[in-house]
Amino acid sequence: MNFIYENDFSGSYGKAKRVLEDNPFYLNLLDKFWSNDEYVSFVKLANCILGVPPVKSFLLIFQNEIKQKENGKITDSNLKQALGSWFRIFISK
């Protein structure tokens, strides 16, 4: 989980970190996202210039994978909050 800023994330968002660790599918998607410079640039641009929430961009990027796994929807509200927490830290970096 090195792509998540360990100190920032575990200190302020301990519950969110545990939720992500319990959802390896989404943890793997975050890893794919973080290791792809084009995705990172796209999400930052969409957020900073267009005001598109980073989680929305993330979900659009990986919509096919999510459809196969989750039928296209995240139904776990804790998971939605955890993704939002991760992206709050991501965008601030």
N, C-alpha and C. Protein backbone atom coordinates (compact mmCIF):
# COMPACT_ATOMS: atom_id res chain seq x y z
N MET A 1 0.84 -1.19 0.00
CA MET A 1 0.00 0.00 0.00
C MET A 1 0.88 1.24 0.00
N ASN A 2 2.02 1.17 -0.61
CA ASN A 2 2.94 2.29 -0.62
C ASN A 2 2.43 3.47 -1.44
N PHE A 3 1.51 3.27 -2.35
CA PHE A 3 0.99 4.37 -3.15
C PHE A 3 0.05 5.23 -2.35
N ILE A 4 -0.42 4.73 -1.24
CA ILE A 4 -1.21 5.54 -0.32
C ILE A 4 -0.23 6.13 0.66
N TYR A 5 -0.29 7.40 0.87
CA TYR A 5 0.63 8.07 1.76
C TYR A 5 0.41 7.55 3.18
N GLU A 6 1.20 6.57 3.55
CA GLU A 6 1.02 5.84 4.81
C GLU A 6 0.82 6.76 6.01
N ASN A 7 1.70 7.71 6.21
CA ASN A 7 1.60 8.56 7.40
C ASN A 7 0.34 9.40 7.37
N ASP A 8 0.05 10.03 6.24
CA ASP A 8 -1.14 10.87 6.13
C ASP A 8 -2.41 10.04 6.28
N PHE A 9 -2.44 8.95 5.56
CA PHE A 9 -3.67 8.16 5.49
C PHE A 9 -3.97 7.45 6.79
N SER A 10 -2.98 6.83 7.40
CA SER A 10 -3.27 6.06 8.61
C SER A 10 -3.56 6.97 9.78
N GLY A 11 -2.97 8.16 9.81
CA GLY A 11 -3.21 9.07 10.93
C GLY A 11 -4.61 9.63 10.93
N SER A 12 -5.02 10.20 9.82
CA SER A 12 -6.31 10.88 9.75
C SER A 12 -7.45 9.98 9.31
N TYR A 13 -7.11 8.94 8.57
CA TYR A 13 -8.14 8.14 7.94
C TYR A 13 -7.96 6.66 8.24
N GLY A 14 -7.72 6.34 9.50
CA GLY A 14 -7.47 4.95 9.88
C GLY A 14 -8.59 4.00 9.48
N LYS A 15 -9.84 4.42 9.69
CA LYS A 15 -10.97 3.56 9.32
C LYS A 15 -11.02 3.35 7.81
N ALA A 16 -10.78 4.41 7.06
CA ALA A 16 -10.80 4.30 5.59
C ALA A 16 -9.70 3.37 5.13
N LYS A 17 -8.54 3.44 5.74
CA LYS A 17 -7.43 2.56 5.37
C LYS A 17 -7.81 1.11 5.58
N ARG A 18 -8.45 0.82 6.71
CA ARG A 18 -8.88 -0.56 6.98
C ARG A 18 -9.91 -1.03 5.96
N VAL A 19 -10.83 -0.15 5.60
CA VAL A 19 -11.86 -0.51 4.61
C VAL A 19 -11.20 -0.85 3.28
N LEU A 20 -10.24 -0.05 2.86
CA LEU A 20 -9.56 -0.33 1.59
C LEU A 20 -8.75 -1.61 1.68
N GLU A 21 -8.10 -1.84 2.79
CA GLU A 21 -7.33 -3.08 2.95
C GLU A 21 -8.23 -4.31 2.92
N ASP A 22 -9.48 -4.14 3.34
CA ASP A 22 -10.44 -5.25 3.32
C ASP A 22 -11.09 -5.44 1.94
N ASN A 23 -10.78 -4.57 1.01
CA ASN A 23 -11.33 -4.64 -0.35
C ASN A 23 -10.20 -4.69 -1.36
N PRO A 24 -9.56 -5.86 -1.49
CA PRO A 24 -8.38 -5.95 -2.36
C PRO A 24 -8.67 -5.59 -3.82
N PHE A 25 -9.89 -5.79 -4.27
CA PHE A 25 -10.23 -5.41 -5.65
C PHE A 25 -9.99 -3.92 -5.86
N TYR A 26 -10.52 -3.09 -4.96
CA TYR A 26 -10.36 -1.64 -5.09
C TYR A 26 -8.94 -1.20 -4.76
N LEU A 27 -8.30 -1.88 -3.85
CA LEU A 27 -6.90 -1.59 -3.55
C LEU A 27 -6.04 -1.82 -4.79
N ASN A 28 -6.32 -2.89 -5.53
CA ASN A 28 -5.60 -3.16 -6.78
C ASN A 28 -5.90 -2.10 -7.84
N LEU A 29 -7.15 -1.65 -7.90
CA LEU A 29 -7.49 -0.59 -8.86
C LEU A 29 -6.75 0.70 -8.50
N LEU A 30 -6.66 1.02 -7.21
CA LEU A 30 -5.93 2.21 -6.80
C LEU A 30 -4.45 2.08 -7.15
N ASP A 31 -3.92 0.89 -7.01
CA ASP A 31 -2.53 0.65 -7.37
C ASP A 31 -2.32 0.84 -8.88
N LYS A 32 -3.25 0.31 -9.68
CA LYS A 32 -3.20 0.50 -11.14
C LYS A 32 -3.28 1.98 -11.48
N PHE A 33 -4.19 2.66 -10.82
CA PHE A 33 -4.36 4.10 -11.05
C PHE A 33 -3.07 4.84 -10.74
N TRP A 34 -2.53 4.62 -9.55
CA TRP A 34 -1.37 5.37 -9.08
C TRP A 34 -0.13 5.09 -9.94
N SER A 35 -0.03 3.92 -10.52
CA SER A 35 1.14 3.58 -11.32
C SER A 35 1.02 4.03 -12.78
N ASN A 36 -0.10 4.65 -13.14
CA ASN A 36 -0.31 5.12 -14.51
C ASN A 36 -0.32 6.65 -14.52
N ASP A 37 0.75 7.24 -15.03
CA ASP A 37 0.87 8.70 -15.04
C ASP A 37 -0.24 9.39 -15.81
N GLU A 38 -0.73 8.76 -16.86
CA GLU A 38 -1.81 9.37 -17.64
C GLU A 38 -3.10 9.45 -16.82
N TYR A 39 -3.41 8.38 -16.09
CA TYR A 39 -4.60 8.41 -15.24
C TYR A 39 -4.48 9.50 -14.18
N VAL A 40 -3.31 9.57 -13.54
CA VAL A 40 -3.10 10.55 -12.48
C VAL A 40 -3.27 11.97 -13.03
N SER A 41 -2.66 12.23 -14.18
CA SER A 41 -2.77 13.56 -14.80
C SER A 41 -4.21 13.87 -15.18
N PHE A 42 -4.90 12.88 -15.73
CA PHE A 42 -6.29 13.07 -16.14
C PHE A 42 -7.17 13.45 -14.94
N VAL A 43 -7.01 12.72 -13.85
CA VAL A 43 -7.85 12.97 -12.67
C VAL A 43 -7.54 14.33 -12.06
N LYS A 44 -6.27 14.68 -11.98
CA LYS A 44 -5.92 16.00 -11.43
C LYS A 44 -6.45 17.12 -12.32
N LEU A 45 -6.30 16.98 -13.62
CA LEU A 45 -6.80 17.98 -14.55
C LEU A 45 -8.31 18.12 -14.45
N ALA A 46 -9.00 16.99 -14.47
CA ALA A 46 -10.47 17.01 -14.39
C ALA A 46 -10.94 17.66 -13.09
N ASN A 47 -10.21 17.42 -12.00
CA ASN A 47 -10.60 18.00 -10.72
C ASN A 47 -10.28 19.49 -10.66
N CYS A 48 -9.06 19.84 -10.99
CA CYS A 48 -8.61 21.22 -10.82
C CYS A 48 -9.23 22.19 -11.82
N ILE A 49 -9.41 21.76 -13.04
CA ILE A 49 -9.91 22.68 -14.07
C ILE A 49 -11.41 22.53 -14.29
N LEU A 50 -11.89 21.30 -14.30
CA LEU A 50 -13.31 21.08 -14.60
C LEU A 50 -14.18 20.87 -13.37
N GLY A 51 -13.56 20.68 -12.21
CA GLY A 51 -14.32 20.48 -10.98
C GLY A 51 -14.95 19.11 -10.85
N VAL A 52 -14.45 18.14 -11.61
CA VAL A 52 -14.99 16.77 -11.53
C VAL A 52 -14.36 16.09 -10.30
N PRO A 53 -15.18 15.55 -9.43
CA PRO A 53 -14.62 14.86 -8.25
C PRO A 53 -13.70 13.72 -8.67
N PRO A 54 -12.55 13.59 -8.01
CA PRO A 54 -11.59 12.56 -8.38
C PRO A 54 -12.17 11.14 -8.34
N VAL A 55 -13.02 10.86 -7.38
CA VAL A 55 -13.59 9.52 -7.30
C VAL A 55 -14.43 9.23 -8.54
N LYS A 56 -15.16 10.23 -9.01
CA LYS A 56 -15.97 10.04 -10.22
C LYS A 56 -15.08 9.70 -11.41
N SER A 57 -13.98 10.43 -11.56
CA SER A 57 -13.05 10.14 -12.66
C SER A 57 -12.47 8.74 -12.51
N PHE A 58 -12.07 8.40 -11.30
CA PHE A 58 -11.52 7.07 -11.02
C PHE A 58 -12.51 5.98 -11.41
N LEU A 59 -13.76 6.15 -11.02
CA LEU A 59 -14.79 5.16 -11.33
C LEU A 59 -15.05 5.07 -12.83
N LEU A 60 -14.96 6.19 -13.52
CA LEU A 60 -15.12 6.16 -14.98
C LEU A 60 -13.96 5.46 -15.66
N ILE A 61 -12.76 5.70 -15.18
CA ILE A 61 -11.58 5.04 -15.77
C ILE A 61 -11.70 3.53 -15.66
N PHE A 62 -12.17 3.07 -14.52
CA PHE A 62 -12.22 1.62 -14.26
C PHE A 62 -13.64 1.06 -14.34
N GLN A 63 -14.51 1.72 -15.08
CA GLN A 63 -15.90 1.30 -15.11
C GLN A 63 -16.10 -0.12 -15.62
N ASN A 64 -15.32 -0.55 -16.60
CA ASN A 64 -15.49 -1.91 -17.12
C ASN A 64 -15.13 -2.96 -16.07
N GLU A 65 -14.03 -2.75 -15.38
CA GLU A 65 -13.63 -3.70 -14.33
C GLU A 65 -14.66 -3.73 -13.20
N ILE A 66 -15.16 -2.54 -12.85
CA ILE A 66 -16.14 -2.46 -11.76
C ILE A 66 -17.45 -3.12 -12.18
N LYS A 67 -17.84 -2.95 -13.44
CA LYS A 67 -19.07 -3.62 -13.91
C LYS A 67 -18.95 -5.13 -13.80
N GLN A 68 -17.79 -5.65 -14.15
CA GLN A 68 -17.60 -7.11 -14.07
C GLN A 68 -17.63 -7.59 -12.63
N LYS A 69 -17.07 -6.82 -11.73
CA LYS A 69 -16.96 -7.25 -10.33
C LYS A 69 -18.21 -6.90 -9.52
N GLU A 70 -18.70 -5.67 -9.67
CA GLU A 70 -19.74 -5.15 -8.77
C GLU A 70 -21.05 -4.82 -9.48
N ASN A 71 -21.19 -5.24 -10.71
CA ASN A 71 -22.38 -4.90 -11.50
C ASN A 71 -22.48 -3.39 -11.72
N GLY A 72 -21.32 -2.71 -11.70
CA GLY A 72 -21.28 -1.30 -12.03
C GLY A 72 -21.55 -0.34 -10.90
N LYS A 73 -21.83 -0.83 -9.71
CA LYS A 73 -22.16 0.07 -8.61
C LYS A 73 -21.41 -0.33 -7.35
N ILE A 74 -21.01 0.68 -6.60
CA ILE A 74 -20.45 0.43 -5.27
C ILE A 74 -21.61 0.61 -4.30
N THR A 75 -21.98 -0.44 -3.63
CA THR A 75 -23.11 -0.36 -2.71
C THR A 75 -22.67 -0.16 -1.27
N ASP A 76 -21.41 -0.36 -0.97
CA ASP A 76 -20.89 -0.21 0.38
C ASP A 76 -20.54 1.26 0.64
N SER A 77 -21.31 1.92 1.51
CA SER A 77 -21.06 3.34 1.77
C SER A 77 -19.71 3.58 2.43
N ASN A 78 -19.24 2.64 3.24
CA ASN A 78 -17.92 2.79 3.85
C ASN A 78 -16.82 2.77 2.79
N LEU A 79 -17.01 1.96 1.76
CA LEU A 79 -16.03 1.90 0.68
C LEU A 79 -16.03 3.21 -0.10
N LYS A 80 -17.20 3.77 -0.36
CA LYS A 80 -17.28 5.06 -1.05
C LYS A 80 -16.55 6.14 -0.25
N GLN A 81 -16.77 6.15 1.05
CA GLN A 81 -16.10 7.13 1.91
C GLN A 81 -14.60 6.91 1.93
N ALA A 82 -14.17 5.66 1.95
CA ALA A 82 -12.74 5.35 1.97
C ALA A 82 -12.07 5.83 0.68
N LEU A 83 -12.71 5.61 -0.45
CA LEU A 83 -12.16 6.09 -1.73
C LEU A 83 -12.08 7.62 -1.73
N GLY A 84 -13.13 8.24 -1.24
CA GLY A 84 -13.12 9.71 -1.15
C GLY A 84 -12.01 10.22 -0.25
N SER A 85 -11.79 9.55 0.86
CA SER A 85 -10.71 9.94 1.77
C SER A 85 -9.36 9.80 1.11
N TRP A 86 -9.15 8.70 0.40
CA TRP A 86 -7.88 8.50 -0.28
C TRP A 86 -7.64 9.60 -1.31
N PHE A 87 -8.67 9.94 -2.06
CA PHE A 87 -8.49 10.97 -3.08
C PHE A 87 -8.33 12.36 -2.50
N ARG A 88 -8.87 12.63 -1.32
CA ARG A 88 -8.62 13.92 -0.67
C ARG A 88 -7.13 14.08 -0.39
N ILE A 89 -6.50 13.03 0.06
CA ILE A 89 -5.06 13.07 0.31
C ILE A 89 -4.31 13.15 -1.01
N PHE A 90 -4.72 12.37 -1.98
CA PHE A 90 -4.07 12.35 -3.29
C PHE A 90 -4.08 13.73 -3.94
N ILE A 91 -5.20 14.39 -3.96
CA ILE A 91 -5.32 15.68 -4.63
C ILE A 91 -4.49 16.74 -3.90
N SER A 92 -4.35 16.61 -2.60
CA SER A 92 -3.57 17.61 -1.86
C SER A 92 -2.08 17.48 -2.08
N LYS A 93 -1.61 16.38 -2.67
CA LYS A 93 -0.17 16.15 -2.89
C LYS A 93 0.27 16.77 -4.18
